[in-house]
Protein backbone atom coordinates (compact mmCIF):
# COMPACT_ATOMS: atom_id res chain seq x y z
CA UNK A 1 33.19 1.85 1.44
CA UNK A 2 35.25 -0.90 -0.34
CA UNK A 3 34.84 -1.31 -4.09
CA UNK A 4 33.02 -4.63 -3.67
CA UNK A 5 30.47 -2.99 -1.37
CA UNK A 6 30.15 -0.15 -3.86
CA UNK A 7 29.29 -2.59 -6.64
CA UNK A 8 27.00 -4.79 -4.59
CA UNK A 9 25.11 -2.34 -2.41
CA UNK A 10 25.53 1.27 -3.47
CA UNK A 11 23.26 0.98 -6.51
CA UNK A 12 20.38 1.65 -4.09
CA UNK A 13 22.12 4.78 -2.85
CA UNK A 14 23.04 5.91 -6.34
CA UNK A 15 19.49 5.26 -7.52
CA UNK A 16 18.13 7.27 -4.62
CA UNK A 17 20.45 10.19 -5.31
CA UNK A 18 19.61 10.10 -9.01
CA UNK A 19 15.87 10.10 -8.29
CA UNK A 20 16.25 12.91 -5.74
CA UNK A 21 18.22 15.05 -8.18
CA UNK A 22 15.66 14.35 -10.91
CA UNK A 23 12.83 15.44 -8.63
CA UNK A 24 14.72 18.59 -7.64
CA UNK A 25 15.43 19.54 -11.24
CA UNK A 26 12.12 18.50 -12.77
CA UNK A 27 9.81 19.54 -9.94
CA UNK A 28 8.64 22.65 -11.79
CA UNK A 29 8.69 21.09 -15.24
CA UNK A 30 5.47 20.69 -17.17
CA UNK A 31 5.36 16.93 -17.06
CA UNK A 32 2.97 14.49 -15.43
CA UNK A 33 2.27 15.22 -11.80
CA UNK A 34 2.15 11.54 -10.91
CA UNK A 35 5.61 11.08 -12.41
CA UNK A 36 7.01 13.86 -10.21
CA UNK A 37 5.31 12.40 -7.13
CA UNK A 38 6.77 8.97 -7.96
CA UNK A 39 10.26 10.45 -8.25
CA UNK A 40 9.90 12.08 -4.85
CA UNK A 41 8.68 8.99 -3.04
CA UNK A 42 11.04 6.57 -4.76
CA UNK A 43 14.15 8.58 -3.85
CA UNK A 44 13.64 7.95 -0.12
CA UNK A 45 12.18 4.48 -0.67
CA UNK A 46 15.54 3.58 -2.23
CA UNK A 47 17.19 4.40 1.11
CA UNK A 48 14.84 1.93 2.81
CA UNK A 49 15.84 -0.72 0.27
CA UNK A 50 19.52 0.08 0.91
CA UNK A 51 19.11 -0.43 4.66
CA UNK A 52 17.39 -3.78 4.17
CA UNK A 53 20.02 -4.91 1.66
CA UNK A 54 22.95 -4.00 3.89
CA UNK A 55 21.86 -5.48 7.21
CA UNK A 56 19.23 -7.70 8.80
CA UNK A 57 19.85 -6.20 12.27
CA UNK A 58 16.77 -4.84 14.08
CA UNK A 59 18.10 -1.28 13.95
CA UNK A 60 18.60 -1.51 10.18
CA UNK A 61 15.05 -2.80 9.74
CA UNK A 62 13.75 0.00 11.93
CA UNK A 63 15.56 2.73 10.02
CA UNK A 64 14.27 1.14 6.82
CA UNK A 65 10.77 1.52 8.25
CA UNK A 66 11.51 5.16 9.08
CA UNK A 67 12.62 5.75 5.49
CA UNK A 68 9.60 3.88 4.07
CA UNK A 69 7.17 5.92 6.17
CA UNK A 70 9.06 9.06 5.15
CA UNK A 71 8.70 8.08 1.49
CA UNK A 72 4.96 7.67 2.03
CA UNK A 73 4.96 11.07 3.73
CA UNK A 74 6.69 12.62 0.71
CA UNK A 75 3.94 11.29 -1.53
CA UNK A 76 1.28 12.29 0.98
CA UNK A 77 2.51 15.87 1.13
CA UNK A 78 1.89 16.19 -2.60
CA UNK A 79 -1.70 14.99 -2.18
CA UNK A 80 -2.79 16.22 1.27
CA UNK A 81 -0.51 18.12 3.63
CA UNK A 82 -2.31 16.87 6.75
CA UNK A 83 -1.90 13.24 5.69
CA UNK A 84 1.70 13.82 4.70
CA UNK A 85 2.47 15.61 7.95
CA UNK A 86 0.86 12.80 9.92
CA UNK A 87 3.04 10.23 8.19
CA UNK A 88 6.18 12.24 8.93
CA UNK A 89 5.08 12.57 12.54
CA UNK A 90 4.80 8.77 12.68
CA UNK A 91 8.25 8.38 11.13
CA UNK A 92 9.71 10.67 13.80
CA UNK A 93 8.09 8.62 16.57
CA UNK A 94 9.57 5.40 15.16
CA UNK A 95 12.97 7.09 14.87
CA UNK A 96 12.75 8.36 18.45
CA UNK A 97 12.08 4.82 19.66
CA UNK A 98 15.13 3.58 17.73
CA UNK A 99 17.40 6.30 19.12
CA UNK A 100 16.21 5.83 22.70
CA UNK A 101 16.87 2.09 22.50
CA UNK A 102 20.34 2.94 21.17
CA UNK A 103 21.04 5.91 23.44
CA UNK A 104 24.60 6.85 24.34
CA UNK A 105 25.68 5.53 27.74
CA UNK A 106 27.27 8.70 29.17
CA UNK A 107 26.55 11.82 27.10
CA UNK A 108 28.52 14.94 27.96
CA UNK A 109 26.83 17.93 29.56
CA UNK A 110 27.20 19.91 26.34
CA UNK A 111 25.52 17.12 24.40
CA UNK A 112 22.62 17.04 26.85
CA UNK A 113 22.30 20.82 26.54
CA UNK A 114 22.26 20.61 22.74
CA UNK A 115 19.58 17.92 22.85
CA UNK A 116 17.47 20.00 25.23
CA UNK A 117 17.83 23.03 22.95
CA UNK A 118 16.58 20.97 20.01
CA UNK A 119 13.72 19.44 21.95
CA UNK A 120 12.44 22.82 23.15
CA UNK A 121 13.70 25.11 20.41
CA UNK A 122 12.22 23.40 17.36
CA UNK A 123 8.55 23.60 18.46
CA UNK A 124 9.14 27.12 19.77
CA UNK A 125 10.53 28.16 16.40
CA UNK A 126 7.55 26.53 14.67
CA UNK A 127 5.17 28.53 16.84
CA UNK A 128 6.99 31.81 16.28
CA UNK A 129 7.05 31.23 12.52
CA UNK A 130 3.54 29.89 11.93
CA UNK A 131 1.35 30.44 15.03
CA UNK A 132 -0.20 27.11 14.01
CA UNK A 133 -0.88 24.55 16.81
CA UNK A 134 -0.72 21.64 14.35
CA UNK A 135 2.70 22.77 13.18
CA UNK A 136 3.86 22.96 16.80
CA UNK A 137 2.62 19.42 17.51
CA UNK A 138 4.50 18.14 14.50
CA UNK A 139 7.58 20.18 15.40
CA UNK A 140 7.59 18.67 18.89
CA UNK A 141 8.14 15.23 17.37
CA UNK A 142 10.69 16.68 14.94
CA UNK A 143 12.61 18.24 17.83
CA UNK A 144 12.34 15.00 19.81
CA UNK A 145 13.72 13.07 16.86
CA UNK A 146 16.69 15.40 16.49
CA UNK A 147 17.37 15.48 20.23
CA UNK A 148 17.25 11.70 20.62
CA UNK A 149 19.41 11.27 17.49
CA UNK A 150 22.00 13.60 19.01
CA UNK A 151 22.07 11.51 22.20
CA UNK A 152 22.12 8.14 20.45
CA UNK A 153 25.17 5.94 20.00
CA UNK A 154 25.04 6.48 16.25
CA UNK A 155 27.61 8.79 14.69
CA UNK A 156 26.80 12.46 15.20
CA UNK A 157 28.65 13.22 11.96
CA UNK A 158 26.07 11.13 10.14
CA UNK A 159 22.86 10.60 12.10
CA UNK A 160 23.19 13.71 14.27
CA UNK A 161 24.02 16.03 11.40
CA UNK A 162 21.37 14.35 9.26
CA UNK A 163 18.74 15.08 11.88
CA UNK A 164 19.85 18.72 12.00
CA UNK A 165 19.53 19.01 8.22
CA UNK A 166 16.03 17.56 8.46
CA UNK A 167 15.17 20.17 11.09
CA UNK A 168 16.62 22.94 8.92
CA UNK A 169 14.52 21.89 5.93
CA UNK A 170 11.32 21.87 7.96
CA UNK A 171 12.09 25.21 9.58
CA UNK A 172 12.40 26.69 6.10
CA UNK A 173 8.96 25.27 5.31
CA UNK A 174 7.56 26.82 8.50
CA UNK A 175 9.16 30.13 7.56
CA UNK A 176 7.51 29.97 4.14
CA UNK A 177 4.13 29.08 5.60
CA UNK A 178 4.39 31.94 8.08
CA UNK A 179 5.39 34.45 5.41
CA UNK A 180 8.88 35.01 6.81
CA UNK A 181 10.51 33.71 3.64
CA UNK A 182 9.35 33.86 0.05
CA UNK A 183 8.72 30.57 -1.75
CA UNK A 184 11.36 31.50 -4.30
CA UNK A 185 13.94 31.40 -1.49
CA UNK A 186 12.90 28.02 -0.10
CA UNK A 187 11.90 25.99 -3.15
CA UNK A 188 15.49 25.24 -4.13
CA UNK A 189 16.83 24.61 -0.63
CA UNK A 190 14.23 22.55 1.26
CA UNK A 191 14.53 19.37 -0.78
CA UNK A 192 18.37 19.12 -0.85
CA UNK A 193 18.54 19.68 2.92
CA UNK A 194 15.81 17.14 3.56
CA UNK A 195 17.22 14.45 1.30
CA UNK A 196 20.79 14.94 2.53
CA UNK A 197 19.44 14.57 6.07
CA UNK A 198 17.60 11.34 5.29
CA UNK A 199 20.66 10.02 3.45
CA UNK A 200 23.01 10.69 6.37
CA UNK A 201 20.56 9.27 8.92
CA UNK A 202 20.02 6.04 7.00
CA UNK A 203 23.65 5.39 6.08
CA UNK A 204 24.82 6.36 9.57
CA UNK A 205 22.58 3.84 11.31
CA UNK A 206 23.46 1.09 8.84
CA UNK A 207 27.17 1.78 9.18
CA UNK A 208 26.97 1.45 12.97
CA UNK A 209 25.05 -1.82 12.98
CA UNK A 210 27.38 -3.32 10.37
CA UNK A 211 30.34 -2.29 12.49
CA UNK A 212 28.71 -3.99 15.48
CA UNK A 213 28.23 -7.16 13.43
CA UNK A 214 31.87 -7.12 12.29
CA UNK A 215 33.03 -6.73 15.89
């Protein structure tokens, strides 16, 4: 990104990264719970602000909505896991709609196979790890989000990989819930994977729509 863009627009990204790191480091500290919750939600909300600041294109507004709903889901998870999970489910549905509208014209057979593996494999993994029908329902939308992201016209090195990181973070949560992994193993890995995924998804979509505008 050129220096001018760095000065004018990356403060939102830098703010988001700073807030995310603060939440990761201070999450177990004995400070106000509301402060920690605010750090968590604001880190992804900053990505929504970045998307709106960088482009007025419909896709940028939609990915901003995905990030905003995700930020609400982050807060919700700290208060009520069902509410938080429902908000993330909604964010995945909005993202799926965005990716389907922007699907790749002629995906390769290997790409279709990878998308199918994500669509079927993520809910299957959720079931094997948790045996929880609600987790499987959520995981179906998670897998659909990752599959549609992989088949979209957005960069796989950004949006596609970001979706995979999001899946990885949630699979670690499922593994913890199902007793396959100890919380000590997952507490330091889930958040970095999740935030890196959201970061790559948001910046990848914005980069594509700005490239379209320039063309």
